[in-house]
Amino acid sequence: MKQLKDKEYEEYQQYLYNKAHGYIWTPDTLELICNGNDGEPEQIGKQVLGMTVKLRNEQVSHRLSDKHKSYVIRLLRKNEVDLLKDFLYEAIFIPKGTEPPARDIIEKPELRVYTDDFGARKGDNCLVADLGGKVVGAVWTRIMDDYGHVDDETPSFAISLYKEYRGQGIGSQLMVRMLELLKWQGYEKASLAVQKANYAVKMYENVEFKTVDENAEEYIMVCEL
């Protein structure tokens, strides 16, 4: 019997999860749709399109795993919006040897643009990493006049994880899933700002962000979708 490699096993687990949760349509699924619409092409088409939008835009969920744990990447729920303030604070880059700032720093106007009335504005999207019912990381976008702003049609990124979950590839998966979502929504590019000393620069480059501008402390990066 062939020994599955770790990646092959993860892909198999992903397939099983997607099939069980309706993200893969089997012949039985299609037959059910056809029978439920009496074989009428127009009605079948409308239902398939409606289900596609629902799967894409309302139930984005991916199960990912390694040898020790598994987590789900899903949309932020309405009752979880306040978590963004926690992750905004966690996103603040703190150089080695520097004391963390007071938590109320997130109430400064230049930081509140990331979270105020989130979900009510154009470009507001948020995906979270859910580990056993606990949200351990988040990536979110909105069109705002932030440090990474490039124009009024381009969503800016923010991302962070709790410290104990960093360096495990979760952040990269969050970035990839969000870029896929933005592309599906029709955006042509996405942007972010990152301090030059931040280790996350490499992660952003790995998911195809490129530096388009810089100042003394930060790179302004853009990913073409």
Protein backbone atom coordinates (compact mmCIF):
# COMPACT_ATOMS: atom_id res chain seq x y z
CA MET A 1 0.00 0.00 0.00
CA LYS A 2 1.29 3.44 -0.91
CA GLN A 3 2.36 5.56 2.05
CA LEU A 4 0.65 8.94 1.90
CA LYS A 5 2.85 11.98 2.24
CA ASP A 6 1.79 14.65 4.74
CA LYS A 7 0.62 16.98 1.96
CA GLU A 8 -1.40 14.23 0.26
CA TYR A 9 -3.05 13.34 3.56
CA GLU A 10 -3.93 16.99 4.21
CA GLU A 11 -5.44 17.29 0.73
CA TYR A 12 -7.48 14.12 1.33
CA GLN A 13 -8.76 15.46 4.65
CA GLN A 14 -9.63 18.74 2.92
CA TYR A 15 -11.60 16.79 0.30
CA LEU A 16 -13.53 14.81 2.92
CA TYR A 17 -14.38 17.97 4.84
CA ASN A 18 -15.50 19.87 1.74
CA LYS A 19 -17.64 16.95 0.59
CA ALA A 20 -19.28 16.54 4.01
CA HIS A 21 -20.09 20.25 4.25
CA GLY A 22 -21.51 20.72 0.77
CA TYR A 23 -18.53 22.44 -0.86
CA ILE A 24 -18.27 19.65 -3.45
CA TRP A 25 -21.34 18.87 -5.54
CA THR A 26 -21.77 15.18 -6.30
CA PRO A 27 -23.97 13.74 -9.09
CA ASP A 28 -26.59 13.10 -6.39
CA THR A 29 -26.56 16.81 -5.51
CA LEU A 30 -27.13 17.82 -9.13
CA GLU A 31 -29.86 15.20 -9.57
CA LEU A 32 -31.63 16.54 -6.50
CA ILE A 33 -31.50 20.09 -7.89
CA CYS A 34 -32.87 18.95 -11.25
CA ASN A 35 -35.68 16.90 -9.72
CA GLY A 36 -36.59 19.70 -7.34
CA ASN A 37 -37.06 22.06 -10.28
CA ASP A 38 -38.95 19.58 -12.50
CA GLY A 39 -36.13 19.65 -15.02
CA GLU A 40 -36.78 23.30 -15.94
CA PRO A 41 -33.42 24.71 -17.21
CA GLU A 42 -34.09 28.28 -16.15
CA GLN A 43 -35.05 27.33 -12.59
CA ILE A 44 -32.12 24.91 -12.32
CA GLY A 45 -29.74 27.65 -13.47
CA LYS A 46 -31.11 30.13 -10.96
CA GLN A 47 -30.73 27.68 -8.08
CA VAL A 48 -27.19 26.68 -9.06
CA LEU A 49 -26.16 30.34 -9.32
CA GLY A 50 -27.77 31.10 -5.99
CA MET A 51 -26.02 28.20 -4.31
CA THR A 52 -22.69 29.24 -5.83
CA VAL A 53 -22.99 32.76 -4.42
CA LYS A 54 -23.95 31.36 -1.03
CA LEU A 55 -20.98 29.00 -0.94
CA ARG A 56 -18.59 31.68 -2.12
CA ASN A 57 -19.79 34.67 -0.15
CA GLU A 58 -21.59 33.42 2.95
CA GLN A 59 -20.03 30.11 3.93
CA VAL A 60 -16.35 30.49 3.08
CA SER A 61 -14.75 27.73 5.11
CA HIS A 62 -11.62 25.68 4.66
CA ARG A 63 -10.27 23.05 7.01
CA LEU A 64 -6.50 22.98 7.23
CA SER A 65 -4.33 20.80 9.40
CA ASP A 66 -0.89 19.69 10.41
CA LYS A 67 0.23 16.75 12.51
CA HIS A 68 -0.86 18.37 15.77
CA LYS A 69 -4.02 20.35 15.13
CA SER A 70 -6.62 21.36 12.60
CA TYR A 71 -8.29 24.68 12.09
CA VAL A 72 -11.00 26.21 9.94
CA ILE A 73 -10.73 29.42 7.97
CA ARG A 74 -14.17 30.99 7.88
CA LEU A 75 -15.92 34.35 7.71
CA LEU A 76 -16.04 36.54 10.79
CA ARG A 77 -19.45 36.37 12.44
CA LYS A 78 -21.41 39.48 13.38
CA ASN A 79 -21.11 38.74 17.10
CA GLU A 80 -17.31 38.52 16.76
CA VAL A 81 -16.62 41.99 15.34
CA ASP A 82 -15.20 43.23 18.65
CA LEU A 83 -12.41 40.66 18.27
CA LEU A 84 -10.92 42.90 15.61
CA LYS A 85 -9.78 45.32 18.29
CA ASP A 86 -7.82 42.49 19.94
CA PHE A 87 -6.22 41.56 16.65
CA LEU A 88 -5.54 45.19 15.78
CA TYR A 89 -3.52 45.49 18.98
CA GLU A 90 -1.75 42.20 18.21
CA ALA A 91 -0.90 43.54 14.75
CA ILE A 92 1.20 46.39 16.16
CA PHE A 93 4.83 45.66 15.37
CA ILE A 94 7.02 45.82 18.48
CA PRO A 95 10.78 45.82 17.77
CA LYS A 96 12.99 43.72 20.01
CA GLY A 97 13.85 45.44 23.25
CA THR A 98 10.85 47.77 23.02
CA GLU A 99 8.03 47.80 25.56
CA PRO A 100 4.56 47.13 24.14
CA PRO A 101 2.35 50.24 23.97
CA ALA A 102 -0.66 50.71 26.21
CA ARG A 103 -3.73 48.96 24.86
CA ASP A 104 -5.63 52.22 24.42
CA ILE A 105 -3.36 53.03 21.49
CA ILE A 106 -5.97 51.35 19.29
CA GLU A 107 -8.35 54.21 20.08
CA LYS A 108 -6.18 56.66 18.15
CA PRO A 109 -7.96 57.94 15.00
CA GLU A 110 -5.29 56.54 12.68
CA LEU A 111 -5.93 53.05 14.09
CA ARG A 112 -9.67 53.23 14.56
CA VAL A 113 -10.07 53.41 10.77
CA TYR A 114 -9.33 49.67 10.76
CA THR A 115 -12.26 48.68 12.98
CA ASP A 116 -14.89 51.44 13.30
CA ASP A 117 -18.28 50.25 11.98
CA PHE A 118 -16.62 47.23 10.41
CA GLY A 119 -18.89 45.41 8.00
CA ALA A 120 -20.79 48.50 6.96
CA ARG A 121 -18.42 49.85 4.31
CA LYS A 122 -17.26 48.93 0.84
CA GLY A 123 -14.41 46.44 0.83
CA ASP A 124 -15.06 45.20 4.37
CA ASN A 125 -14.12 41.52 4.50
CA CYS A 126 -12.80 39.40 7.33
CA LEU A 127 -11.67 35.80 7.55
CA VAL A 128 -10.64 34.16 10.81
CA ALA A 129 -8.71 31.05 11.78
CA ASP A 130 -10.87 29.00 14.13
CA LEU A 131 -9.10 26.36 16.19
CA GLY A 132 -11.55 24.19 18.09
CA GLY A 133 -14.03 27.05 18.49
CA LYS A 134 -11.39 29.64 19.43
CA VAL A 135 -10.53 32.40 16.97
CA VAL A 136 -6.72 32.53 16.93
CA GLY A 137 -6.09 34.85 13.99
CA ALA A 138 -7.78 37.22 11.59
CA VAL A 139 -7.20 38.91 8.27
CA TRP A 140 -9.43 41.76 7.24
CA THR A 141 -9.67 44.33 4.49
CA ARG A 142 -11.43 47.57 3.85
CA ILE A 143 -11.06 50.58 1.58
CA MET A 144 -9.72 53.22 3.94
CA ASP A 145 -7.21 56.02 4.25
CA ASP A 146 -4.70 53.99 6.22
CA TYR A 147 -0.94 53.55 6.07
CA GLY A 148 -1.25 51.20 3.09
CA HIS A 149 -3.76 53.28 1.10
CA VAL A 150 -3.02 53.49 -2.62
CA ASP A 151 -6.38 54.54 -4.10
CA ASP A 152 -10.10 54.56 -3.36
CA GLU A 153 -10.79 51.31 -5.22
CA THR A 154 -8.18 49.12 -3.52
CA PRO A 155 -8.81 47.28 -0.23
CA SER A 156 -6.06 47.52 2.38
CA PHE A 157 -5.02 44.50 4.44
CA ALA A 158 -4.65 43.99 8.18
CA ILE A 159 -3.64 40.64 9.67
CA SER A 160 -2.53 39.24 13.01
CA LEU A 161 -2.52 36.12 15.12
CA TYR A 162 -2.11 35.55 18.82
CA LYS A 163 1.59 35.08 19.55
CA GLU A 164 1.41 31.36 20.33
CA TYR A 165 -0.06 30.63 16.89
CA ARG A 166 2.49 32.50 14.81
CA GLY A 167 5.11 30.83 12.65
CA GLN A 168 2.86 27.86 11.83
CA GLY A 169 1.67 28.86 8.35
CA ILE A 170 -1.76 30.02 9.50
CA GLY A 171 -1.10 33.63 8.51
CA SER A 172 -0.07 32.62 5.00
CA GLN A 173 -3.24 30.58 4.56
CA LEU A 174 -5.36 33.50 5.77
CA MET A 175 -3.66 35.78 3.23
CA VAL A 176 -4.16 33.33 0.35
CA ARG A 177 -7.85 32.79 1.14
CA MET A 178 -8.50 36.52 1.42
CA LEU A 179 -6.76 37.25 -1.88
CA GLU A 180 -8.93 34.57 -3.51
CA LEU A 181 -12.05 36.18 -2.03
CA LEU A 182 -11.09 39.68 -3.19
CA LYS A 183 -10.35 38.41 -6.69
CA TRP A 184 -13.74 36.69 -6.82
CA GLN A 185 -15.40 39.95 -5.70
CA GLY A 186 -13.84 41.71 -8.69
CA TYR A 187 -11.05 43.74 -7.11
CA GLU A 188 -7.96 44.24 -9.27
CA LYS A 189 -5.43 44.60 -6.47
CA ALA A 190 -4.92 44.81 -2.72
CA SER A 191 -2.45 46.80 -0.64
CA LEU A 192 -0.80 46.93 2.76
CA ALA A 193 1.89 48.73 4.73
CA VAL A 194 4.49 46.87 6.76
CA GLN A 195 7.44 48.02 8.81
CA LYS A 196 10.73 47.14 7.17
CA ALA A 197 11.97 45.22 10.21
CA ASN A 198 8.84 43.08 10.45
CA TYR A 199 9.41 39.38 9.74
CA ALA A 200 6.02 39.33 7.95
CA VAL A 201 7.58 41.07 4.93
CA LYS A 202 8.74 37.68 3.67
CA MET A 203 5.25 36.19 4.05
CA TYR A 204 3.74 39.03 2.02
CA GLU A 205 6.32 38.54 -0.72
CA ASN A 206 5.54 34.82 -0.77
CA VAL A 207 1.89 35.54 -1.59
CA GLU A 208 2.90 37.89 -4.44
CA PHE A 209 2.85 41.29 -2.76
CA LYS A 210 5.45 43.62 -4.24
CA THR A 211 6.88 46.86 -2.88
CA VAL A 212 5.62 49.89 -4.82
CA ASP A 213 6.74 52.65 -2.45
CA GLU A 214 8.52 53.11 0.84
CA ASN A 215 9.39 55.63 3.49
CA ALA A 216 11.96 55.64 6.27
CA GLU A 217 10.15 52.93 8.26
CA GLU A 218 7.66 51.13 6.01
CA TYR A 219 7.16 49.40 2.71
CA ILE A 220 3.93 50.01 0.80
CA MET A 221 3.11 46.74 -0.97
CA VAL A 222 0.55 45.80 -3.62
CA CYS A 223 -0.68 42.44 -4.88
CA GLU A 224 -2.12 42.38 -8.39
CA LEU A 225 -5.18 40.11 -8.51
